[in-house]
Amino acid sequence: MRNIAGHVDSKTGPPVFYRLHELRAGDEIRMHRTDGTHARFVVRRLESHPTDDFPARSVYGRTREPTLRLVKCSGDFDAATGHYVDNTMIFADAA
């Protein structure tokens, strides 16, 4: 299993996960490897949870087959804490 966490915003422009919310079930994700090959994954589902109720077992738990989990901040920005109140997770399986 691969887990990748990325930022949804930055002070210098849109970061890697800025458009992650546009993914839908059935979309393909291609990971470019350093050896020139690609790993392909198909999005199965998206979930959003409050940061204080993060589904760690679903995101980090063992799987039988190769999987990919993408995690980003989402929801409202809490200026008092300097953090977003939710996390969005993309669950994808090897294609």
N, C-alpha and C. Protein backbone atom coordinates (compact mmCIF):
# COMPACT_ATOMS: atom_id res chain seq x y z
N MET A 1 0.84 -1.17 0.00
CA MET A 1 0.00 0.00 0.00
C MET A 1 0.89 1.23 0.00
N ARG A 2 0.44 2.24 -0.69
CA ARG A 2 1.11 3.54 -0.72
C ARG A 2 0.16 4.58 -0.17
N ASN A 3 0.70 5.42 0.70
CA ASN A 3 -0.05 6.55 1.24
C ASN A 3 0.69 7.81 0.86
N ILE A 4 -0.02 8.77 0.36
CA ILE A 4 0.59 10.04 0.00
C ILE A 4 -0.27 11.15 0.58
N ALA A 5 0.35 12.02 1.33
CA ALA A 5 -0.33 13.18 1.88
C ALA A 5 0.24 14.42 1.20
N GLY A 6 -0.62 15.36 0.88
CA GLY A 6 -0.17 16.57 0.22
C GLY A 6 -1.01 17.75 0.65
N HIS A 7 -0.49 18.93 0.35
CA HIS A 7 -1.19 20.16 0.73
C HIS A 7 -2.22 20.56 -0.31
N VAL A 8 -3.27 21.19 0.17
CA VAL A 8 -4.34 21.67 -0.69
C VAL A 8 -4.11 23.13 -1.08
N ASP A 9 -3.30 23.85 -0.33
CA ASP A 9 -3.00 25.24 -0.67
C ASP A 9 -1.61 25.61 -0.19
N SER A 10 -1.15 26.76 -0.64
CA SER A 10 0.15 27.27 -0.21
C SER A 10 0.19 28.76 -0.47
N LYS A 11 1.20 29.41 0.03
CA LYS A 11 1.34 30.86 -0.18
C LYS A 11 1.92 31.17 -1.55
N THR A 12 2.48 30.15 -2.23
CA THR A 12 3.15 30.40 -3.51
C THR A 12 2.36 29.92 -4.71
N GLY A 13 1.19 29.31 -4.51
CA GLY A 13 0.38 28.85 -5.63
C GLY A 13 -0.19 27.48 -5.37
N PRO A 14 -0.98 26.97 -6.30
CA PRO A 14 -1.64 25.68 -6.11
C PRO A 14 -0.63 24.53 -5.98
N PRO A 15 -0.68 23.78 -4.89
CA PRO A 15 0.22 22.63 -4.73
C PRO A 15 -0.36 21.37 -5.36
N VAL A 16 0.29 20.27 -5.15
CA VAL A 16 -0.01 19.02 -5.84
C VAL A 16 -1.45 18.53 -5.66
N PHE A 17 -2.06 18.72 -4.52
CA PHE A 17 -3.41 18.19 -4.28
C PHE A 17 -4.51 19.23 -4.42
N TYR A 18 -4.21 20.35 -5.02
CA TYR A 18 -5.19 21.44 -5.15
C TYR A 18 -6.48 20.98 -5.84
N ARG A 19 -6.37 20.13 -6.88
CA ARG A 19 -7.55 19.71 -7.65
C ARG A 19 -7.99 18.28 -7.30
N LEU A 20 -7.50 17.74 -6.22
CA LEU A 20 -7.83 16.36 -5.85
C LEU A 20 -9.33 16.14 -5.70
N HIS A 21 -10.05 17.15 -5.26
CA HIS A 21 -11.50 17.03 -5.08
C HIS A 21 -12.25 16.76 -6.38
N GLU A 22 -11.59 16.93 -7.52
CA GLU A 22 -12.22 16.69 -8.82
C GLU A 22 -12.24 15.20 -9.20
N LEU A 23 -11.46 14.37 -8.50
CA LEU A 23 -11.46 12.94 -8.80
C LEU A 23 -12.81 12.31 -8.48
N ARG A 24 -13.18 11.31 -9.25
CA ARG A 24 -14.43 10.58 -9.07
C ARG A 24 -14.15 9.09 -9.17
N ALA A 25 -15.04 8.28 -8.62
CA ALA A 25 -14.91 6.83 -8.73
C ALA A 25 -14.79 6.45 -10.20
N GLY A 26 -13.83 5.58 -10.50
CA GLY A 26 -13.58 5.16 -11.87
C GLY A 26 -12.44 5.89 -12.54
N ASP A 27 -12.04 7.06 -12.01
CA ASP A 27 -10.92 7.81 -12.58
C ASP A 27 -9.61 7.04 -12.37
N GLU A 28 -8.69 7.20 -13.31
CA GLU A 28 -7.40 6.54 -13.21
C GLU A 28 -6.34 7.51 -12.69
N ILE A 29 -5.47 7.00 -11.84
CA ILE A 29 -4.33 7.76 -11.33
C ILE A 29 -3.08 7.03 -11.79
N ARG A 30 -2.17 7.76 -12.42
CA ARG A 30 -0.91 7.17 -12.86
C ARG A 30 0.23 7.77 -12.05
N MET A 31 1.01 6.89 -11.47
CA MET A 31 2.18 7.31 -10.69
C MET A 31 3.42 7.07 -11.55
N HIS A 32 4.18 8.10 -11.81
CA HIS A 32 5.39 7.99 -12.62
C HIS A 32 6.55 7.55 -11.73
N ARG A 33 7.15 6.43 -12.06
CA ARG A 33 8.28 5.90 -11.29
C ARG A 33 9.59 6.43 -11.84
N THR A 34 10.62 6.41 -11.02
CA THR A 34 11.93 6.91 -11.43
C THR A 34 12.56 6.07 -12.54
N ASP A 35 12.12 4.81 -12.68
CA ASP A 35 12.67 3.96 -13.75
C ASP A 35 11.95 4.15 -15.09
N GLY A 36 11.02 5.09 -15.15
CA GLY A 36 10.31 5.38 -16.39
C GLY A 36 9.00 4.62 -16.55
N THR A 37 8.70 3.67 -15.67
CA THR A 37 7.44 2.95 -15.74
C THR A 37 6.36 3.70 -14.97
N HIS A 38 5.15 3.19 -15.06
CA HIS A 38 4.02 3.81 -14.37
C HIS A 38 3.28 2.77 -13.54
N ALA A 39 2.79 3.19 -12.39
CA ALA A 39 1.85 2.39 -11.62
C ALA A 39 0.48 3.00 -11.85
N ARG A 40 -0.51 2.16 -12.12
CA ARG A 40 -1.86 2.65 -12.39
C ARG A 40 -2.80 2.21 -11.29
N PHE A 41 -3.65 3.15 -10.87
CA PHE A 41 -4.65 2.90 -9.84
C PHE A 41 -5.98 3.45 -10.32
N VAL A 42 -7.07 2.85 -9.86
CA VAL A 42 -8.42 3.31 -10.18
C VAL A 42 -9.09 3.77 -8.89
N VAL A 43 -9.64 4.97 -8.91
CA VAL A 43 -10.33 5.52 -7.75
C VAL A 43 -11.58 4.69 -7.47
N ARG A 44 -11.71 4.23 -6.24
CA ARG A 44 -12.90 3.47 -5.84
C ARG A 44 -13.88 4.33 -5.07
N ARG A 45 -13.34 5.22 -4.21
CA ARG A 45 -14.25 6.07 -3.45
C ARG A 45 -13.49 7.26 -2.85
N LEU A 46 -14.24 8.29 -2.49
CA LEU A 46 -13.73 9.45 -1.78
C LEU A 46 -14.49 9.54 -0.48
N GLU A 47 -13.80 9.93 0.57
CA GLU A 47 -14.43 10.13 1.88
C GLU A 47 -13.91 11.44 2.47
N SER A 48 -14.73 12.07 3.27
CA SER A 48 -14.33 13.26 4.01
C SER A 48 -14.72 13.06 5.46
N HIS A 49 -13.78 13.36 6.37
CA HIS A 49 -14.01 13.19 7.80
C HIS A 49 -13.42 14.38 8.55
N PRO A 50 -14.00 14.72 9.69
CA PRO A 50 -13.38 15.74 10.55
C PRO A 50 -11.98 15.27 10.97
N THR A 51 -11.06 16.20 11.09
CA THR A 51 -9.69 15.82 11.45
C THR A 51 -9.63 15.11 12.80
N ASP A 52 -10.56 15.41 13.69
CA ASP A 52 -10.54 14.74 15.00
C ASP A 52 -11.23 13.37 14.97
N ASP A 53 -11.67 12.94 13.77
CA ASP A 53 -12.28 11.62 13.60
C ASP A 53 -11.66 10.94 12.37
N PHE A 54 -10.35 11.07 12.23
CA PHE A 54 -9.62 10.53 11.08
C PHE A 54 -9.68 9.01 11.09
N PRO A 55 -10.08 8.37 9.97
CA PRO A 55 -10.22 6.91 9.91
C PRO A 55 -8.88 6.21 9.66
N ALA A 56 -8.01 6.24 10.64
CA ALA A 56 -6.65 5.72 10.48
C ALA A 56 -6.62 4.28 10.00
N ARG A 57 -7.49 3.45 10.52
CA ARG A 57 -7.48 2.03 10.11
C ARG A 57 -7.81 1.89 8.62
N SER A 58 -8.78 2.65 8.13
CA SER A 58 -9.13 2.59 6.71
C SER A 58 -8.01 3.12 5.82
N VAL A 59 -7.34 4.15 6.28
CA VAL A 59 -6.29 4.77 5.48
C VAL A 59 -4.98 3.99 5.56
N TYR A 60 -4.58 3.57 6.76
CA TYR A 60 -3.28 2.96 6.95
C TYR A 60 -3.30 1.45 7.15
N GLY A 61 -4.49 0.85 7.21
CA GLY A 61 -4.60 -0.59 7.45
C GLY A 61 -4.05 -1.42 6.31
N ARG A 62 -3.72 -2.66 6.62
CA ARG A 62 -3.18 -3.59 5.63
C ARG A 62 -4.23 -3.92 4.57
N THR A 63 -3.74 -4.17 3.36
CA THR A 63 -4.60 -4.59 2.26
C THR A 63 -3.99 -5.82 1.59
N ARG A 64 -4.81 -6.60 0.95
CA ARG A 64 -4.32 -7.80 0.27
C ARG A 64 -3.69 -7.47 -1.07
N GLU A 65 -4.21 -6.47 -1.74
CA GLU A 65 -3.75 -6.07 -3.07
C GLU A 65 -3.10 -4.69 -2.99
N PRO A 66 -2.34 -4.30 -4.01
CA PRO A 66 -1.75 -2.96 -4.03
C PRO A 66 -2.86 -1.89 -4.01
N THR A 67 -2.69 -0.91 -3.17
CA THR A 67 -3.66 0.17 -3.06
C THR A 67 -2.93 1.51 -2.96
N LEU A 68 -3.69 2.56 -3.15
CA LEU A 68 -3.17 3.92 -3.02
C LEU A 68 -4.16 4.72 -2.21
N ARG A 69 -3.68 5.46 -1.24
CA ARG A 69 -4.50 6.36 -0.44
C ARG A 69 -3.91 7.77 -0.56
N LEU A 70 -4.73 8.72 -0.97
CA LEU A 70 -4.32 10.11 -1.05
C LEU A 70 -5.09 10.87 0.01
N VAL A 71 -4.39 11.70 0.78
CA VAL A 71 -5.01 12.42 1.89
C VAL A 71 -4.68 13.90 1.77
N LYS A 72 -5.71 14.73 1.92
CA LYS A 72 -5.49 16.18 1.90
C LYS A 72 -6.41 16.86 2.90
N CYS A 73 -6.03 18.03 3.30
CA CYS A 73 -6.88 18.86 4.16
C CYS A 73 -8.07 19.35 3.35
N SER A 74 -9.19 19.55 4.03
CA SER A 74 -10.38 20.05 3.34
C SER A 74 -11.31 20.71 4.36
N GLY A 75 -12.44 21.15 3.87
CA GLY A 75 -13.40 21.81 4.76
C GLY A 75 -13.00 23.25 5.02
N ASP A 76 -13.57 23.78 6.06
CA ASP A 76 -13.28 25.17 6.44
C ASP A 76 -11.90 25.30 7.06
N PHE A 77 -11.31 26.47 6.89
CA PHE A 77 -10.03 26.78 7.51
C PHE A 77 -10.30 27.44 8.86
N ASP A 78 -9.73 26.89 9.92
CA ASP A 78 -9.89 27.44 11.27
C ASP A 78 -8.70 28.36 11.53
N ALA A 79 -8.93 29.66 11.43
CA ALA A 79 -7.86 30.64 11.61
C ALA A 79 -7.26 30.58 13.01
N ALA A 80 -8.04 30.20 14.00
CA ALA A 80 -7.55 30.14 15.38
C ALA A 80 -6.48 29.06 15.54
N THR A 81 -6.66 27.92 14.85
CA THR A 81 -5.69 26.82 14.97
C THR A 81 -4.70 26.80 13.82
N GLY A 82 -5.05 27.47 12.71
CA GLY A 82 -4.19 27.45 11.53
C GLY A 82 -4.31 26.17 10.73
N HIS A 83 -5.42 25.44 10.92
CA HIS A 83 -5.62 24.16 10.23
C HIS A 83 -7.01 24.07 9.64
N TYR A 84 -7.14 23.18 8.65
CA TYR A 84 -8.46 22.88 8.11
C TYR A 84 -9.17 21.92 9.06
N VAL A 85 -10.49 21.92 9.02
CA VAL A 85 -11.26 21.12 9.99
C VAL A 85 -11.54 19.69 9.51
N ASP A 86 -11.32 19.41 8.23
CA ASP A 86 -11.60 18.08 7.68
C ASP A 86 -10.40 17.54 6.91
N ASN A 87 -10.47 16.26 6.59
CA ASN A 87 -9.55 15.60 5.68
C ASN A 87 -10.37 14.89 4.62
N THR A 88 -9.90 14.93 3.39
CA THR A 88 -10.50 14.16 2.31
C THR A 88 -9.52 13.06 1.95
N MET A 89 -10.05 11.83 1.79
CA MET A 89 -9.24 10.68 1.42
C MET A 89 -9.74 10.11 0.11
N ILE A 90 -8.81 9.77 -0.76
CA ILE A 90 -9.10 9.08 -2.00
C ILE A 90 -8.61 7.65 -1.83
N PHE A 91 -9.48 6.69 -2.07
CA PHE A 91 -9.14 5.27 -1.97
C PHE A 91 -9.08 4.71 -3.38
N ALA A 92 -7.92 4.17 -3.78
CA ALA A 92 -7.75 3.64 -5.13
C ALA A 92 -7.07 2.28 -5.07
N ASP A 93 -7.42 1.42 -6.04
CA ASP A 93 -6.85 0.08 -6.15
C ASP A 93 -6.02 -0.03 -7.42
N ALA A 94 -5.08 -0.94 -7.43
CA ALA A 94 -4.24 -1.15 -8.62
C ALA A 94 -5.13 -1.50 -9.81
N ALA A 95 -4.77 -0.92 -10.96
CA ALA A 95 -5.54 -1.16 -12.18
C ALA A 95 -5.02 -2.40 -12.89
